[in-house]
Amino acid sequence: MKRFWFISIFAAFAMFGADAQSPTPAPVAAASTIDSVPVALKQLQEIKAANEELLRKQDAALQKLDELQKAADEIKIFGKRS
């Protein structure tokens, strides 16, 4: 119970503390971000592609685990019969 309270308090401080410590962006910074929008978009597309590949690998792993679980269940059933 104490651990739960500690984690929840720590999370609250982390959320609200980050907002209080972050500086407000200057107008000059906004102008430089306009130039970097295409770069950021390209990076996001690369991240999306990497995430999709990771999801495909995880899906394949889950299918293999399901097959192993079914095989284990069949072995249990056949083991009980003999």
N, C-alpha and C. Protein backbone atom coordinates (compact mmCIF):
# COMPACT_ATOMS: atom_id res chain seq x y z
N MET A 1 0.83 -1.19 0.00
CA MET A 1 0.00 0.00 0.00
C MET A 1 0.87 1.25 0.00
N LYS A 2 1.95 1.22 0.81
CA LYS A 2 2.85 2.37 0.86
C LYS A 2 3.52 2.58 -0.50
N ARG A 3 3.84 1.47 -1.14
CA ARG A 3 4.50 1.56 -2.45
C ARG A 3 3.58 2.24 -3.46
N PHE A 4 2.30 1.91 -3.43
CA PHE A 4 1.34 2.52 -4.34
C PHE A 4 1.28 4.02 -4.13
N TRP A 5 1.20 4.46 -2.88
CA TRP A 5 1.14 5.89 -2.60
C TRP A 5 2.40 6.60 -3.03
N PHE A 6 3.54 5.97 -2.79
CA PHE A 6 4.80 6.57 -3.19
C PHE A 6 4.87 6.75 -4.70
N ILE A 7 4.46 5.74 -5.45
CA ILE A 7 4.48 5.80 -6.91
C ILE A 7 3.51 6.86 -7.41
N SER A 8 2.31 6.93 -6.82
CA SER A 8 1.33 7.91 -7.28
C SER A 8 1.79 9.33 -6.96
N ILE A 9 2.40 9.53 -5.80
CA ILE A 9 2.90 10.87 -5.46
C ILE A 9 4.06 11.24 -6.37
N PHE A 10 4.94 10.29 -6.61
CA PHE A 10 6.07 10.55 -7.50
C PHE A 10 5.59 10.90 -8.90
N ALA A 11 4.59 10.18 -9.39
CA ALA A 11 4.05 10.46 -10.73
C ALA A 11 3.41 11.84 -10.78
N ALA A 12 2.71 12.23 -9.74
CA ALA A 12 2.08 13.55 -9.71
C ALA A 12 3.14 14.65 -9.74
N PHE A 13 4.20 14.48 -8.95
CA PHE A 13 5.27 15.47 -8.97
C PHE A 13 5.96 15.52 -10.33
N ALA A 14 6.12 14.38 -10.94
CA ALA A 14 6.78 14.34 -12.24
C ALA A 14 5.94 15.07 -13.29
N MET A 15 4.62 14.88 -13.26
CA MET A 15 3.76 15.54 -14.25
C MET A 15 3.71 17.04 -14.04
N PHE A 16 3.47 17.45 -12.81
CA PHE A 16 3.31 18.88 -12.56
C PHE A 16 4.65 19.59 -12.47
N GLY A 17 5.68 18.91 -12.04
CA GLY A 17 7.00 19.52 -11.95
C GLY A 17 7.58 19.80 -13.31
N ALA A 18 7.31 18.95 -14.28
CA ALA A 18 7.84 19.15 -15.64
C ALA A 18 7.21 20.38 -16.27
N ASP A 19 5.93 20.62 -16.02
CA ASP A 19 5.28 21.80 -16.57
C ASP A 19 5.82 23.08 -15.94
N ALA A 20 6.09 23.03 -14.65
CA ALA A 20 6.56 24.23 -13.97
C ALA A 20 7.99 24.57 -14.37
N GLN A 21 8.80 23.60 -14.71
CA GLN A 21 10.19 23.84 -15.02
C GLN A 21 10.44 24.14 -16.48
N SER A 22 9.50 23.85 -17.36
CA SER A 22 9.73 24.07 -18.78
C SER A 22 9.60 25.55 -19.11
N PRO A 23 10.59 26.11 -19.80
CA PRO A 23 10.53 27.52 -20.14
C PRO A 23 9.51 27.78 -21.24
N THR A 24 9.01 28.98 -21.29
CA THR A 24 8.07 29.33 -22.35
C THR A 24 8.85 29.57 -23.63
N PRO A 25 8.35 29.10 -24.76
CA PRO A 25 9.09 29.26 -26.02
C PRO A 25 9.12 30.71 -26.46
N ALA A 26 10.24 31.12 -27.00
CA ALA A 26 10.38 32.49 -27.49
C ALA A 26 9.86 32.56 -28.92
N PRO A 27 9.46 33.73 -29.40
CA PRO A 27 8.98 33.86 -30.78
C PRO A 27 10.04 33.46 -31.80
N VAL A 28 11.32 33.67 -31.48
CA VAL A 28 12.39 33.29 -32.40
C VAL A 28 12.42 31.77 -32.55
N ALA A 29 12.17 31.06 -31.45
CA ALA A 29 12.16 29.60 -31.51
C ALA A 29 11.03 29.12 -32.40
N ALA A 30 9.92 29.81 -32.39
CA ALA A 30 8.79 29.41 -33.23
C ALA A 30 9.15 29.52 -34.71
N ALA A 31 9.89 30.54 -35.07
CA ALA A 31 10.30 30.70 -36.46
C ALA A 31 11.23 29.58 -36.90
N SER A 32 12.11 29.14 -36.01
CA SER A 32 13.02 28.06 -36.37
C SER A 32 12.31 26.72 -36.45
N THR A 33 11.22 26.56 -35.70
CA THR A 33 10.49 25.29 -35.77
C THR A 33 9.73 25.16 -37.07
N ILE A 34 9.35 26.26 -37.67
CA ILE A 34 8.65 26.20 -38.95
C ILE A 34 9.56 25.59 -40.01
N ASP A 35 10.84 25.91 -39.95
CA ASP A 35 11.79 25.36 -40.91
C ASP A 35 12.03 23.87 -40.68
N SER A 36 11.87 23.43 -39.44
CA SER A 36 12.18 22.04 -39.14
C SER A 36 10.96 21.12 -39.23
N VAL A 37 9.82 21.63 -39.66
CA VAL A 37 8.62 20.81 -39.76
C VAL A 37 8.81 19.65 -40.75
N PRO A 38 9.36 19.88 -41.94
CA PRO A 38 9.57 18.73 -42.84
C PRO A 38 10.51 17.68 -42.26
N VAL A 39 11.53 18.14 -41.54
CA VAL A 39 12.47 17.20 -40.91
C VAL A 39 11.75 16.39 -39.84
N ALA A 40 10.95 17.07 -39.03
CA ALA A 40 10.21 16.38 -37.98
C ALA A 40 9.21 15.40 -38.58
N LEU A 41 8.57 15.79 -39.66
CA LEU A 41 7.61 14.90 -40.32
C LEU A 41 8.30 13.65 -40.83
N LYS A 42 9.47 13.82 -41.43
CA LYS A 42 10.22 12.67 -41.93
C LYS A 42 10.62 11.74 -40.77
N GLN A 43 11.05 12.33 -39.66
CA GLN A 43 11.43 11.53 -38.50
C GLN A 43 10.22 10.76 -37.96
N LEU A 44 9.08 11.42 -37.92
CA LEU A 44 7.87 10.75 -37.44
C LEU A 44 7.47 9.60 -38.35
N GLN A 45 7.64 9.79 -39.65
CA GLN A 45 7.32 8.71 -40.59
C GLN A 45 8.27 7.53 -40.40
N GLU A 46 9.55 7.82 -40.14
CA GLU A 46 10.51 6.74 -39.88
C GLU A 46 10.17 6.01 -38.59
N ILE A 47 9.78 6.75 -37.58
CA ILE A 47 9.39 6.13 -36.31
C ILE A 47 8.15 5.27 -36.50
N LYS A 48 7.20 5.78 -37.28
CA LYS A 48 5.97 5.02 -37.54
C LYS A 48 6.29 3.71 -38.25
N ALA A 49 7.17 3.77 -39.25
CA ALA A 49 7.55 2.56 -39.97
C ALA A 49 8.23 1.56 -39.05
N ALA A 50 9.11 2.06 -38.17
CA ALA A 50 9.79 1.18 -37.23
C ALA A 50 8.79 0.56 -36.26
N ASN A 51 7.82 1.35 -35.80
CA ASN A 51 6.79 0.83 -34.89
C ASN A 51 5.94 -0.23 -35.57
N GLU A 52 5.59 0.00 -36.84
CA GLU A 52 4.80 -1.00 -37.56
C GLU A 52 5.57 -2.30 -37.71
N GLU A 53 6.87 -2.20 -37.99
CA GLU A 53 7.70 -3.41 -38.10
C GLU A 53 7.75 -4.14 -36.76
N LEU A 54 7.91 -3.40 -35.69
CA LEU A 54 7.93 -4.00 -34.36
C LEU A 54 6.60 -4.67 -34.05
N LEU A 55 5.51 -4.03 -34.41
CA LEU A 55 4.20 -4.64 -34.18
C LEU A 55 4.02 -5.92 -34.98
N ARG A 56 4.54 -5.95 -36.21
CA ARG A 56 4.46 -7.19 -37.02
C ARG A 56 5.26 -8.30 -36.35
N LYS A 57 6.44 -7.98 -35.83
CA LYS A 57 7.26 -8.99 -35.15
C LYS A 57 6.57 -9.48 -33.89
N GLN A 58 5.96 -8.56 -33.15
CA GLN A 58 5.25 -8.96 -31.93
C GLN A 58 4.05 -9.82 -32.25
N ASP A 59 3.36 -9.50 -33.34
CA ASP A 59 2.20 -10.30 -33.74
C ASP A 59 2.64 -11.71 -34.12
N ALA A 60 3.75 -11.83 -34.84
CA ALA A 60 4.27 -13.14 -35.20
C ALA A 60 4.66 -13.93 -33.96
N ALA A 61 5.29 -13.26 -33.01
CA ALA A 61 5.67 -13.94 -31.77
C ALA A 61 4.45 -14.40 -30.99
N LEU A 62 3.41 -13.58 -30.95
CA LEU A 62 2.18 -13.97 -30.26
C LEU A 62 1.52 -15.16 -30.93
N GLN A 63 1.54 -15.20 -32.25
CA GLN A 63 0.96 -16.34 -32.95
C GLN A 63 1.74 -17.62 -32.63
N LYS A 64 3.07 -17.52 -32.57
CA LYS A 64 3.88 -18.69 -32.22
C LYS A 64 3.58 -19.14 -30.80
N LEU A 65 3.42 -18.18 -29.90
CA LEU A 65 3.10 -18.54 -28.51
C LEU A 65 1.73 -19.19 -28.42
N ASP A 66 0.78 -18.71 -29.20
CA ASP A 66 -0.55 -19.35 -29.22
C ASP A 66 -0.46 -20.78 -29.72
N GLU A 67 0.35 -21.00 -30.76
CA GLU A 67 0.52 -22.36 -31.28
C GLU A 67 1.18 -23.26 -30.22
N LEU A 68 2.17 -22.72 -29.53
CA LEU A 68 2.82 -23.51 -28.47
C LEU A 68 1.84 -23.82 -27.35
N GLN A 69 0.99 -22.87 -27.01
CA GLN A 69 0.00 -23.10 -25.95
C GLN A 69 -0.98 -24.18 -26.37
N LYS A 70 -1.42 -24.15 -27.62
CA LYS A 70 -2.33 -25.18 -28.11
C LYS A 70 -1.66 -26.55 -28.10
N ALA A 71 -0.39 -26.59 -28.50
CA ALA A 71 0.34 -27.86 -28.50
C ALA A 71 0.49 -28.38 -27.07
N ALA A 72 0.76 -27.48 -26.13
CA ALA A 72 0.90 -27.90 -24.73
C ALA A 72 -0.43 -28.42 -24.19
N ASP A 73 -1.52 -27.77 -24.57
CA ASP A 73 -2.84 -28.24 -24.13
C ASP A 73 -3.14 -29.62 -24.70
N GLU A 74 -2.77 -29.86 -25.97
CA GLU A 74 -2.99 -31.18 -26.57
C GLU A 74 -2.16 -32.24 -25.86
N ILE A 75 -0.94 -31.90 -25.50
CA ILE A 75 -0.08 -32.87 -24.80
C ILE A 75 -0.69 -33.19 -23.44
N LYS A 76 -1.24 -32.20 -22.76
CA LYS A 76 -1.87 -32.45 -21.47
C LYS A 76 -3.07 -33.38 -21.64
N ILE A 77 -3.86 -33.14 -22.69
CA ILE A 77 -5.05 -33.96 -22.92
C ILE A 77 -4.63 -35.41 -23.21
N PHE A 78 -3.64 -35.59 -24.11
CA PHE A 78 -3.20 -36.93 -24.44
C PHE A 78 -2.52 -37.59 -23.24
N GLY A 79 -1.86 -36.83 -22.42
CA GLY A 79 -1.22 -37.37 -21.22
C GLY A 79 -2.23 -37.89 -20.22
N LYS A 80 -3.36 -37.24 -20.11
CA LYS A 80 -4.39 -37.66 -19.17
C LYS A 80 -5.10 -38.92 -19.64
N ARG A 81 -5.16 -39.13 -20.95
CA ARG A 81 -5.84 -40.31 -21.49
C ARG A 81 -5.06 -41.59 -21.22
N SER A 82 -3.75 -41.49 -21.18
CA SER A 82 -2.98 -42.72 -21.02
C SER A 82 -2.64 -43.04 -19.59
